[in-house]
């Protein structure tokens, strides 16, 4: 996956206008980028179907069809409705002058092409498609061939990842100028397929300030000198593990060890486990036997915490502590239910990281889960600003957001991580990286990336996404972290 900035739609439009003012023919450059992509992926004699819409995305597609014809491809063009923009009309005239046959509908007996190139609608689509367009898209989706979307799959909101009535299900998306978050999150993660960025050689100095970026957090600052000891890498205290949920705290503690913390304390609310046989390095201090939390450089509260009175009291102590704090699971639910706790968390001066899944984020925002999922970027940024903290909104295309709203969008990992306990593993890993003096935004970003890379490695080795347990993920994270440190 290539890097590159994420611009807001408004900033992207300003960039396009600036490029046009400089005389850069972005539509022609997009067409050439599409033709070059086809050259890398398709034989020269492969029959192609180019689908062009009425706007500028349709112009991209028509110019791409012209270039592909010039290079010797057999090209059919489908443009169901007349061009609506001036640039699309100019492209249509050139296509007709070049002898390209332009269909308004597909013949019933038309065989599937070797590749469908989708340029029906671009990123400007903001309203649901009407029934006629939905039917056309359904027909195109039924064609038995790979599909390449230009900029974004037609019918997909490129910023929310939500289909607008219907959307092309692409195998590949060649997006232009900058990445768009909707190609990686929500339904868009499945509809966009493999995403590649073509910057169209637009000068870097023309780019306005980015809203975010793809998550490429580095592990370089974790390199260790030979003159090291356990105190060099911080102490983490994990608070959670109520009766029936002790495993969650154990997973977080083991993950903190695997992530490099020098010492890890476990403060379970269930006092029945004196030692963890799988990780005897964990120092277990039952929460109901301590007058105060163990002295630690970082606290992580929530894995298996529960919502009883003792859980709330421990959470209050943790929020008042002057050290970095990671809040997950029932810690978030307690904050969502208590405005006093929420205000105290938002007023903290030490770094705080919240790691909600969409339902927990919805409770914190007093919304329903569907509303959060309908625009993940907006709501993750709202949470980060409101709580003056780093937020990790988990899910497809996990978002890591700073208090000022700038975000990283994670592209590693996938459905192999959709298993119980994976959130606890992530919490422990974030805490371990904080204990090694990474800033909160970088610690959360690197942890999310490593967690996803562990899932990617499992999928490659297992041949699919099923069966990765949270316990097994911990060892894979250790390997991925050392691989990144070695420059892999």
Protein backbone atom coordinates (compact mmCIF):
# COMPACT_ATOMS: atom_id res chain seq x y z
CA UNK A 1 0.00 0.00 0.00
CA UNK A 2 1.46 3.33 -1.05
CA UNK A 3 1.45 6.32 1.28
CA UNK A 4 0.18 9.81 0.68
CA UNK A 5 -1.95 12.45 2.36
CA UNK A 6 -5.68 12.45 3.00
CA UNK A 7 -7.29 15.76 2.05
CA UNK A 8 -10.79 16.89 2.92
CA UNK A 9 -13.10 17.13 -0.07
CA UNK A 10 -12.92 20.93 0.10
CA UNK A 11 -9.10 20.89 0.16
CA UNK A 12 -9.04 18.44 -2.74
CA UNK A 13 -11.23 20.75 -4.80
CA UNK A 14 -8.84 23.63 -4.05
CA UNK A 15 -5.94 21.49 -5.20
CA UNK A 16 -7.75 20.66 -8.45
CA UNK A 17 -8.45 24.34 -9.05
CA UNK A 18 -4.83 25.30 -8.36
CA UNK A 19 -3.62 22.59 -10.73
CA UNK A 20 -5.98 23.83 -13.44
CA UNK A 21 -4.69 27.36 -12.92
CA UNK A 22 -1.17 26.05 -13.48
CA UNK A 23 -2.25 24.50 -16.76
CA UNK A 24 -2.02 20.91 -15.51
CA UNK A 25 -4.46 18.76 -17.46
CA UNK A 26 -5.46 16.48 -14.62
CA UNK A 27 -8.11 14.64 -16.65
CA UNK A 28 -5.55 13.66 -19.29
CA UNK A 29 -3.07 12.66 -16.60
CA UNK A 30 -5.69 10.51 -14.89
CA UNK A 31 -6.43 8.83 -18.22
CA UNK A 32 -2.75 8.08 -18.78
CA UNK A 33 -2.43 6.70 -15.25
CA UNK A 34 -5.40 4.42 -15.90
CA UNK A 35 -3.96 3.25 -19.23
CA UNK A 36 -0.60 2.56 -17.58
CA UNK A 37 -2.36 0.54 -14.88
CA UNK A 38 -4.10 -1.54 -17.55
CA UNK A 39 -0.78 -2.10 -19.32
CA UNK A 40 0.66 -3.56 -16.13
CA UNK A 41 -2.28 -5.88 -15.49
CA UNK A 42 -3.84 -6.89 -18.81
CA UNK A 43 -2.56 -8.44 -22.05
CA UNK A 44 -2.46 -6.05 -25.01
CA UNK A 45 -5.21 -7.94 -26.85
CA UNK A 46 -7.60 -8.09 -23.86
CA UNK A 47 -11.10 -6.72 -24.65
CA UNK A 48 -12.01 -3.85 -22.34
CA UNK A 49 -15.32 -2.26 -21.31
CA UNK A 50 -14.99 1.39 -20.27
CA UNK A 51 -18.01 2.78 -18.40
CA UNK A 52 -18.28 6.57 -18.50
CA UNK A 53 -20.67 8.73 -16.55
CA UNK A 54 -21.92 12.26 -17.31
CA UNK A 55 -19.40 14.18 -15.19
CA UNK A 56 -15.67 14.63 -14.95
CA UNK A 57 -15.13 11.04 -13.82
CA UNK A 58 -16.74 10.10 -17.12
CA UNK A 59 -14.25 12.38 -18.86
CA UNK A 60 -11.39 10.52 -17.17
CA UNK A 61 -12.87 7.26 -18.47
CA UNK A 62 -13.38 8.53 -22.04
CA UNK A 63 -9.84 9.85 -22.31
CA UNK A 64 -8.61 6.53 -20.86
CA UNK A 65 -10.59 4.70 -23.57
CA UNK A 66 -8.95 6.86 -26.24
CA UNK A 67 -5.48 6.16 -24.88
CA UNK A 68 -6.17 2.44 -24.60
CA UNK A 69 -7.45 2.34 -28.18
CA UNK A 70 -4.30 4.16 -29.30
CA UNK A 71 -2.23 1.48 -27.58
CA UNK A 72 -3.99 -1.26 -29.52
CA UNK A 73 -6.67 -2.49 -27.11
CA UNK A 74 -10.15 -3.49 -28.22
CA UNK A 75 -12.31 -1.00 -26.34
CA UNK A 76 -16.08 -0.81 -25.89
CA UNK A 77 -17.52 2.29 -24.25
CA UNK A 78 -20.74 2.45 -22.24
CA UNK A 79 -22.12 5.92 -21.48
CA UNK A 80 -25.75 5.53 -20.42
CA UNK A 81 -26.54 9.27 -20.20
CA UNK A 82 -25.24 12.29 -22.17
CA UNK A 83 -22.25 14.24 -20.83
CA UNK A 84 -23.17 16.93 -18.35
CA UNK A 85 -19.88 18.74 -17.78
CA UNK A 86 -17.97 20.71 -20.40
CA UNK A 87 -14.86 18.56 -20.00
CA UNK A 88 -16.86 15.36 -20.38
CA UNK A 89 -18.51 16.74 -23.53
CA UNK A 90 -15.10 17.54 -25.00
CA UNK A 91 -13.89 14.02 -24.21
CA UNK A 92 -17.02 12.55 -25.79
CA UNK A 93 -16.45 14.49 -29.02
CA UNK A 94 -12.88 13.25 -29.23
CA UNK A 95 -13.99 9.68 -28.57
CA UNK A 96 -16.56 9.87 -31.37
CA UNK A 97 -14.04 11.47 -33.75
CA UNK A 98 -11.66 8.57 -33.03
CA UNK A 99 -14.31 6.07 -34.06
CA UNK A 100 -15.04 4.64 -30.63
CA UNK A 101 -18.51 3.05 -30.60
CA UNK A 102 -20.38 4.42 -27.59
CA UNK A 103 -23.25 2.36 -26.23
CA UNK A 104 -26.07 3.70 -24.10
CA UNK A 105 -26.89 0.25 -22.76
CA UNK A 106 -25.26 -3.16 -22.77
CA UNK A 107 -26.52 -5.68 -25.31
CA UNK A 108 -28.21 -8.64 -23.63
CA UNK A 109 -25.79 -11.08 -25.27
CA UNK A 110 -22.62 -9.07 -24.66
CA UNK A 111 -19.84 -11.34 -23.37
CA UNK A 112 -17.94 -10.34 -20.26
CA UNK A 113 -14.83 -8.29 -21.05
CA UNK A 114 -11.38 -9.07 -19.70
CA UNK A 115 -11.63 -5.90 -17.56
CA UNK A 116 -14.34 -3.38 -16.71
CA UNK A 117 -13.11 0.18 -16.10
CA UNK A 118 -15.56 2.12 -13.94
CA UNK A 119 -15.73 5.86 -14.52
CA UNK A 120 -19.45 6.39 -13.98
CA UNK A 121 -19.37 8.60 -10.87
CA UNK A 122 -16.44 10.05 -8.96
CA UNK A 123 -16.02 11.50 -5.50
CA UNK A 124 -18.52 14.30 -6.08
CA UNK A 125 -21.55 12.03 -5.75
CA UNK A 126 -23.47 13.08 -2.63
CA UNK A 127 -27.01 11.77 -3.07
CA UNK A 128 -28.42 8.26 -3.51
CA UNK A 129 -28.57 6.95 -7.05
CA UNK A 130 -32.00 6.68 -8.65
CA UNK A 131 -33.48 3.24 -9.44
CA UNK A 132 -32.32 3.30 -13.06
CA UNK A 133 -28.70 3.84 -12.07
CA UNK A 134 -28.97 1.24 -9.34
CA UNK A 135 -30.18 -1.27 -11.92
CA UNK A 136 -27.29 -0.41 -14.25
CA UNK A 137 -24.76 -0.87 -11.50
CA UNK A 138 -26.31 -4.19 -10.50
CA UNK A 139 -26.02 -5.35 -14.13
CA UNK A 140 -22.33 -4.31 -14.28
CA UNK A 141 -21.60 -6.03 -10.99
CA UNK A 142 -22.94 -9.28 -12.45
CA UNK A 143 -20.38 -9.25 -15.27
CA UNK A 144 -17.87 -12.01 -14.64
CA UNK A 145 -14.67 -9.99 -14.92
CA UNK A 146 -12.26 -7.95 -12.79
CA UNK A 147 -13.29 -4.33 -12.24
CA UNK A 148 -11.07 -1.26 -11.96
CA UNK A 149 -12.63 1.85 -10.42
CA UNK A 150 -11.24 5.27 -11.34
CA UNK A 151 -10.84 7.44 -8.22
CA UNK A 152 -13.53 5.53 -6.29
CA UNK A 153 -16.13 2.85 -7.05
CA UNK A 154 -19.20 4.51 -8.57
CA UNK A 155 -21.97 4.92 -6.04
CA UNK A 156 -19.62 4.92 -3.04
CA UNK A 157 -19.23 7.97 -0.81
CA UNK A 158 -15.45 8.27 -0.89
CA UNK A 159 -15.33 10.00 2.50
CA UNK A 160 -17.75 7.92 4.59
CA UNK A 161 -17.37 4.55 2.90
CA UNK A 162 -21.14 4.21 2.57
CA UNK A 163 -22.80 3.14 -0.71
CA UNK A 164 -25.37 5.61 -2.00
CA UNK A 165 -28.07 3.12 -2.92
CA UNK A 166 -25.75 0.89 -4.95
CA UNK A 167 -22.06 0.81 -5.79
CA UNK A 168 -19.67 -0.93 -8.14
CA UNK A 169 -17.86 -3.77 -6.41
CA UNK A 170 -14.32 -3.15 -7.62
CA UNK A 171 -11.36 -5.48 -7.44
CA UNK A 172 -9.00 -2.52 -7.74
CA UNK A 173 -9.34 1.22 -7.28
CA UNK A 174 -6.90 3.68 -8.82
CA UNK A 175 -7.49 6.83 -6.82
CA UNK A 176 -6.16 10.24 -7.86
CA UNK A 177 -4.17 13.00 -6.11
CA UNK A 178 -4.78 11.79 -2.54
CA UNK A 179 -6.25 8.92 -0.58
CA UNK A 180 -9.89 9.00 0.51
CA UNK A 181 -10.91 7.45 3.84
CA UNK A 182 -14.08 5.82 2.52
CA UNK A 183 -11.99 3.44 0.40
CA UNK A 184 -10.64 1.79 3.54
CA UNK A 185 -13.47 1.85 6.08
CA UNK A 186 -17.00 0.51 6.44
CA UNK A 187 -18.53 -1.11 3.35
CA UNK A 188 -16.03 0.82 1.23
CA UNK A 189 -13.24 -1.47 2.43
CA UNK A 190 -14.89 -4.33 0.54
CA UNK A 191 -16.19 -2.30 -2.41
CA UNK A 192 -12.87 -0.63 -3.30
CA UNK A 193 -10.70 -3.76 -3.39
CA UNK A 194 -6.98 -3.09 -3.62
CA UNK A 195 -6.32 0.66 -3.62
CA UNK A 196 -3.45 2.39 -5.42
CA UNK A 197 -2.69 6.11 -5.49
CA UNK A 198 -1.74 8.07 -8.62
CA UNK A 199 -0.66 11.60 -7.67
CA UNK A 200 -0.72 12.62 -11.37
CA UNK A 201 2.64 14.32 -10.85
CA UNK A 202 0.92 17.22 -9.14
CA UNK A 203 3.64 19.35 -7.46
CA UNK A 204 3.90 18.74 -3.71
CA UNK A 205 3.96 22.48 -3.01
CA UNK A 206 0.45 22.77 -4.44
CA UNK A 207 -1.05 20.43 -1.84
CA UNK A 208 -3.03 22.16 0.92
CA UNK A 209 -2.77 21.06 4.54
CA UNK A 210 -3.74 17.41 4.92
CA UNK A 211 -6.54 16.26 7.19
CA UNK A 212 -4.84 12.93 7.78
CA UNK A 213 -2.58 10.24 6.36
CA UNK A 214 -2.31 6.49 6.01
CA UNK A 215 -0.83 4.89 9.11
CA UNK A 216 2.84 4.14 8.53
CA UNK A 217 3.99 4.55 12.14
CA UNK A 218 7.65 3.69 12.62
CA UNK A 219 9.30 1.58 15.31
CA UNK A 220 12.71 3.23 14.79
CA UNK A 221 12.75 5.06 18.13
CA UNK A 222 12.37 1.76 19.98
CA UNK A 223 15.86 0.58 18.99
CA UNK A 224 17.67 -0.52 22.15
CA UNK A 225 21.26 0.07 23.21
CA UNK A 226 23.23 -2.86 24.61
CA UNK A 227 23.45 -1.00 27.93
CA UNK A 228 19.83 -1.65 28.91
CA UNK A 229 17.89 -2.96 31.90
CA UNK A 230 14.22 -3.55 32.67
CA UNK A 231 13.85 -0.11 34.19
CA UNK A 232 14.78 1.40 30.84
CA UNK A 233 11.50 0.35 29.28
CA UNK A 234 8.88 1.36 31.78
CA UNK A 235 6.33 -0.27 34.00
CA UNK A 236 2.72 -0.89 32.98
CA UNK A 237 -0.20 -1.60 35.30
CA UNK A 238 -3.26 -3.35 33.84
CA UNK A 239 -6.50 -2.89 35.81
CA UNK A 240 -9.45 -5.14 35.00
CA UNK A 241 -10.25 -8.83 35.13
CA UNK A 242 -13.47 -9.03 37.11
CA UNK A 243 -14.82 -12.51 37.95
CA UNK A 244 -15.65 -14.28 34.69
CA UNK A 245 -13.49 -11.86 32.69
CA UNK A 246 -10.03 -12.48 34.09
CA UNK A 247 -8.80 -13.64 30.69
CA UNK A 248 -9.17 -10.14 29.25
CA UNK A 249 -6.72 -8.69 31.77
CA UNK A 250 -4.31 -11.59 31.21
CA UNK A 251 -4.36 -10.99 27.45
CA UNK A 252 -3.62 -7.29 27.96
CA UNK A 253 -0.81 -8.06 30.39
CA UNK A 254 0.81 -10.64 28.13
CA UNK A 255 0.56 -8.23 25.20
CA UNK A 256 2.27 -5.50 27.23
CA UNK A 257 5.15 -7.91 27.89
CA UNK A 258 5.35 -8.85 24.20
CA UNK A 259 5.32 -5.16 23.28
CA UNK A 260 8.50 -4.54 25.27
CA UNK A 261 7.42 -3.10 28.62
CA UNK A 262 10.12 -3.65 31.23
CA UNK A 263 7.67 -4.62 33.97
CA UNK A 264 3.96 -5.39 33.92
CA UNK A 265 1.65 -5.41 36.92
CA UNK A 266 -1.76 -7.04 36.76
CA UNK A 267 -4.43 -5.73 39.14
CA UNK A 268 -7.40 -8.07 38.67
CA UNK A 269 -10.69 -7.63 40.45
CA UNK A 270 -10.84 -11.43 40.60
CA UNK A 271 -8.31 -12.42 43.26
CA UNK A 272 -8.27 -16.16 42.58
CA UNK A 273 -5.19 -16.27 40.34
CA UNK A 274 -1.89 -15.85 42.23
CA UNK A 275 0.27 -16.40 39.15
CA UNK A 276 -0.16 -16.64 35.37
CA UNK A 277 1.43 -19.99 34.40
CA UNK A 278 1.69 -18.85 30.75
CA UNK A 279 3.40 -15.60 31.71
CA UNK A 280 4.83 -15.83 35.22
CA UNK A 281 6.59 -12.52 34.59
CA UNK A 282 3.28 -10.76 35.25
CA UNK A 283 3.23 -9.38 38.79
CA UNK A 284 -0.30 -9.97 40.05
CA UNK A 285 -1.68 -7.63 42.74
CA UNK A 286 -5.42 -8.27 43.26
CA UNK A 287 -7.26 -4.97 43.21
CA UNK A 288 -9.29 -5.56 46.38
CA UNK A 289 -6.08 -6.13 48.37
CA UNK A 290 -4.32 -2.88 47.52
CA UNK A 291 -4.75 0.50 49.12
CA UNK A 292 -3.46 2.25 46.01
CA UNK A 293 -2.55 1.33 42.46
CA UNK A 294 0.99 -0.01 41.94
CA UNK A 295 3.52 2.63 41.00
CA UNK A 296 3.70 2.45 37.20
CA UNK A 297 4.68 4.63 34.29
CA UNK A 298 1.48 3.81 32.38
CA UNK A 299 -1.96 2.63 33.45
CA UNK A 300 -4.36 0.65 31.27
CA UNK A 301 -7.89 0.31 32.58
CA UNK A 302 -10.78 -1.65 31.12
CA UNK A 303 -9.99 -5.19 29.94
CA UNK A 304 -12.58 -7.31 31.74
CA UNK A 305 -13.17 -4.48 34.24
CA UNK A 306 -16.92 -4.81 34.74
CA UNK A 307 -19.07 -1.97 36.01
CA UNK A 308 -19.37 -2.70 39.74
CA UNK A 309 -18.55 -0.21 42.49
CA UNK A 310 -14.92 -1.34 42.83
CA UNK A 311 -14.42 -0.92 39.08
CA UNK A 312 -15.66 2.66 39.23
CA UNK A 313 -13.44 3.46 42.21
CA UNK A 314 -10.36 2.08 40.46
CA UNK A 315 -11.21 4.05 37.34
CA UNK A 316 -11.45 7.26 39.39
CA UNK A 317 -7.99 6.58 40.85
CA UNK A 318 -6.55 5.94 37.41
CA UNK A 319 -8.02 9.10 35.91
CA UNK A 320 -6.54 11.12 38.77
CA UNK A 321 -3.08 9.59 38.30
CA UNK A 322 -0.45 11.87 36.69
CA UNK A 323 0.77 9.30 34.17
CA UNK A 324 -0.31 8.21 30.67
CA UNK A 325 -3.57 6.28 30.65
CA UNK A 326 -5.20 3.85 28.22
CA UNK A 327 -8.97 3.40 28.59
CA UNK A 328 -10.85 0.52 26.96
CA UNK A 329 -13.99 -1.60 27.26
CA UNK A 330 -15.91 -1.09 30.51
CA UNK A 331 -13.76 1.90 31.46
CA UNK A 332 -15.32 3.61 28.44
CA UNK A 333 -18.79 2.40 29.34
CA UNK A 334 -18.44 3.77 32.88
CA UNK A 335 -17.32 7.13 31.50
CA UNK A 336 -20.23 7.16 29.05
CA UNK A 337 -22.67 6.60 31.92
CA UNK A 338 -21.18 9.17 34.33
CA UNK A 339 -20.73 12.80 33.28
CA UNK A 340 -18.44 13.45 36.23
CA UNK A 341 -16.04 10.70 35.15
CA UNK A 342 -16.25 11.96 31.58
CA UNK A 343 -15.38 15.50 32.64
CA UNK A 344 -12.48 14.27 34.76
CA UNK A 345 -11.12 12.22 31.85
CA UNK A 346 -11.39 15.20 29.49
CA UNK A 347 -9.57 17.44 31.99
CA UNK A 348 -6.52 15.18 32.35
CA UNK A 349 -3.17 16.78 31.57
CA UNK A 350 -1.24 13.54 31.17
CA UNK A 351 -1.67 11.72 27.82
CA UNK A 352 -4.86 9.69 27.47
CA UNK A 353 -5.77 7.13 24.81
CA UNK A 354 -9.34 5.92 24.32
CA UNK A 355 -9.81 2.73 22.29
CA UNK A 356 -13.54 2.34 21.56
CA UNK A 357 -15.19 0.01 19.11
CA UNK A 358 -18.12 1.65 17.29
CA UNK A 359 -20.74 0.76 19.92
CA UNK A 360 -18.58 2.19 22.73
CA UNK A 361 -17.92 5.31 20.68
CA UNK A 362 -21.67 5.69 20.18
CA UNK A 363 -22.27 5.53 23.93
CA UNK A 364 -19.60 8.16 24.57
CA UNK A 365 -21.18 10.43 21.94
CA UNK A 366 -24.76 9.58 22.99
CA UNK A 367 -25.58 8.34 19.50
CA UNK A 368 -26.47 4.99 18.02
CA UNK A 369 -23.85 2.75 16.49
CA UNK A 370 -25.22 3.15 12.97
CA UNK A 371 -24.66 6.91 13.15
CA UNK A 372 -21.01 6.43 14.13
CA UNK A 373 -20.45 3.91 11.33
CA UNK A 374 -22.14 6.20 8.80
CA UNK A 375 -19.26 8.69 9.17
CA UNK A 376 -16.42 7.19 11.17
CA UNK A 377 -13.94 9.99 10.53
CA UNK A 378 -16.27 12.72 11.72
CA UNK A 379 -17.20 10.94 14.94
CA UNK A 380 -13.69 9.78 15.79
CA UNK A 381 -12.53 13.37 15.45
CA UNK A 382 -15.40 14.58 17.62
CA UNK A 383 -14.37 12.17 20.36
CA UNK A 384 -10.71 13.21 20.24
CA UNK A 385 -11.56 16.90 20.44
CA UNK A 386 -14.16 16.44 23.18
CA UNK A 387 -11.92 14.35 25.45
CA UNK A 388 -8.70 16.18 24.48
CA UNK A 389 -7.06 12.82 23.91
CA UNK A 390 -5.92 10.32 21.31
CA UNK A 391 -8.77 8.14 20.07
CA UNK A 392 -8.48 4.76 18.36
CA UNK A 393 -11.79 4.01 16.67
CA UNK A 394 -11.52 0.31 15.92
CA UNK A 395 -12.95 -1.50 12.92
CA UNK A 396 -12.22 -1.82 9.22
CA UNK A 397 -9.84 1.07 8.56
CA UNK A 398 -9.16 1.80 12.24
CA UNK A 399 -8.68 5.51 12.87
CA UNK A 400 -6.09 7.00 15.22
CA UNK A 401 -6.95 10.64 15.94
CA UNK A 402 -5.06 13.41 17.74
CA UNK A 403 -6.82 15.98 19.95
CA UNK A 404 -6.51 18.54 17.12
CA UNK A 405 -8.43 16.24 14.77
CA UNK A 406 -5.52 15.09 12.59
CA UNK A 407 -5.75 11.36 12.00
CA UNK A 408 -4.03 8.28 10.69
CA UNK A 409 -6.00 5.64 8.86
CA UNK A 410 -4.81 2.09 9.31
CA UNK A 411 -4.70 -0.28 6.36
CA UNK A 412 -3.13 -3.38 7.93
CA UNK A 413 -5.20 -6.24 9.29
CA UNK A 414 -8.64 -7.50 8.40
CA UNK A 415 -11.32 -10.00 9.42
CA UNK A 416 -8.78 -12.36 11.02
CA UNK A 417 -8.78 -9.91 13.97
CA UNK A 418 -12.56 -10.16 14.43
CA UNK A 419 -12.28 -12.40 17.48
CA UNK A 420 -12.80 -12.04 21.23
CA UNK A 421 -9.89 -10.60 23.15
CA UNK A 422 -8.19 -8.78 20.28
CA UNK A 423 -9.10 -5.41 21.79
CA UNK A 424 -7.45 -6.43 25.06
CA UNK A 425 -4.28 -7.33 23.16
CA UNK A 426 -4.29 -3.90 21.51
CA UNK A 427 -4.77 -2.13 24.84
CA UNK A 428 -1.77 -3.86 26.39
CA UNK A 429 0.36 -3.12 23.35
CA UNK A 430 -0.47 0.61 23.39
CA UNK A 431 0.39 0.75 27.09
CA UNK A 432 3.75 -0.97 26.48
CA UNK A 433 4.70 1.49 23.75
CA UNK A 434 3.69 4.44 25.93
CA UNK A 435 5.91 3.02 28.69
CA UNK A 436 8.83 3.12 26.23
CA UNK A 437 8.33 6.89 25.89
CA UNK A 438 6.53 7.03 22.55
CA UNK A 439 4.14 9.99 22.33
CA UNK A 440 0.52 8.93 22.67
CA UNK A 441 -0.38 9.45 19.00
CA UNK A 442 2.66 7.51 17.81
CA UNK A 443 2.24 4.75 20.38
CA UNK A 444 -1.39 4.21 19.41
CA UNK A 445 -0.57 4.38 15.70
CA UNK A 446 2.29 1.87 15.92
CA UNK A 447 0.24 -0.49 18.08
CA UNK A 448 -2.66 -0.49 15.63
CA UNK A 449 -0.31 -1.05 12.71
CA UNK A 450 1.50 -3.93 14.46
CA UNK A 451 -1.77 -5.54 15.49
CA UNK A 452 -2.93 -5.44 11.88
CA UNK A 453 0.39 -6.75 10.56
CA UNK A 454 0.09 -9.70 12.91
CA UNK A 455 -3.27 -10.48 11.34
CA UNK A 456 -1.87 -10.09 7.82
CA UNK A 457 0.92 -12.53 8.57
CA UNK A 458 -1.53 -15.09 9.91
CA UNK A 459 -3.74 -14.79 6.84
CA UNK A 460 -0.80 -15.38 4.52
CA UNK A 461 0.37 -18.44 6.44
CA UNK A 462 -3.08 -19.95 7.08
CA UNK A 463 -4.41 -19.22 3.62
CA UNK A 464 -7.40 -17.37 5.06
CA UNK A 465 -8.67 -15.23 7.93
CA UNK A 466 -10.31 -17.83 10.18
CA UNK A 467 -8.97 -19.12 13.45
CA UNK A 468 -6.55 -16.49 14.79
CA UNK A 469 -6.99 -16.26 18.54
CA UNK A 470 -6.04 -13.28 20.65
CA UNK A 471 -3.52 -15.42 22.55
CA UNK A 472 -1.77 -16.39 19.32
CA UNK A 473 -1.75 -12.77 18.13
CA UNK A 474 0.52 -11.72 20.98
CA UNK A 475 3.45 -13.81 19.75
CA UNK A 476 2.92 -12.55 16.21
CA UNK A 477 3.04 -8.94 17.43
CA UNK A 478 6.41 -9.63 19.06
CA UNK A 479 7.74 -10.91 15.72
CA UNK A 480 6.29 -8.00 13.72
CA UNK A 481 7.75 -5.44 16.11
CA UNK A 482 11.23 -6.92 15.84
CA UNK A 483 10.87 -7.15 12.06
CA UNK A 484 10.03 -3.42 11.87
CA UNK A 485 12.96 -2.62 14.14
CA UNK A 486 15.24 -4.53 11.78
CA UNK A 487 13.96 -2.44 8.89
CA UNK A 488 11.52 -4.96 7.45
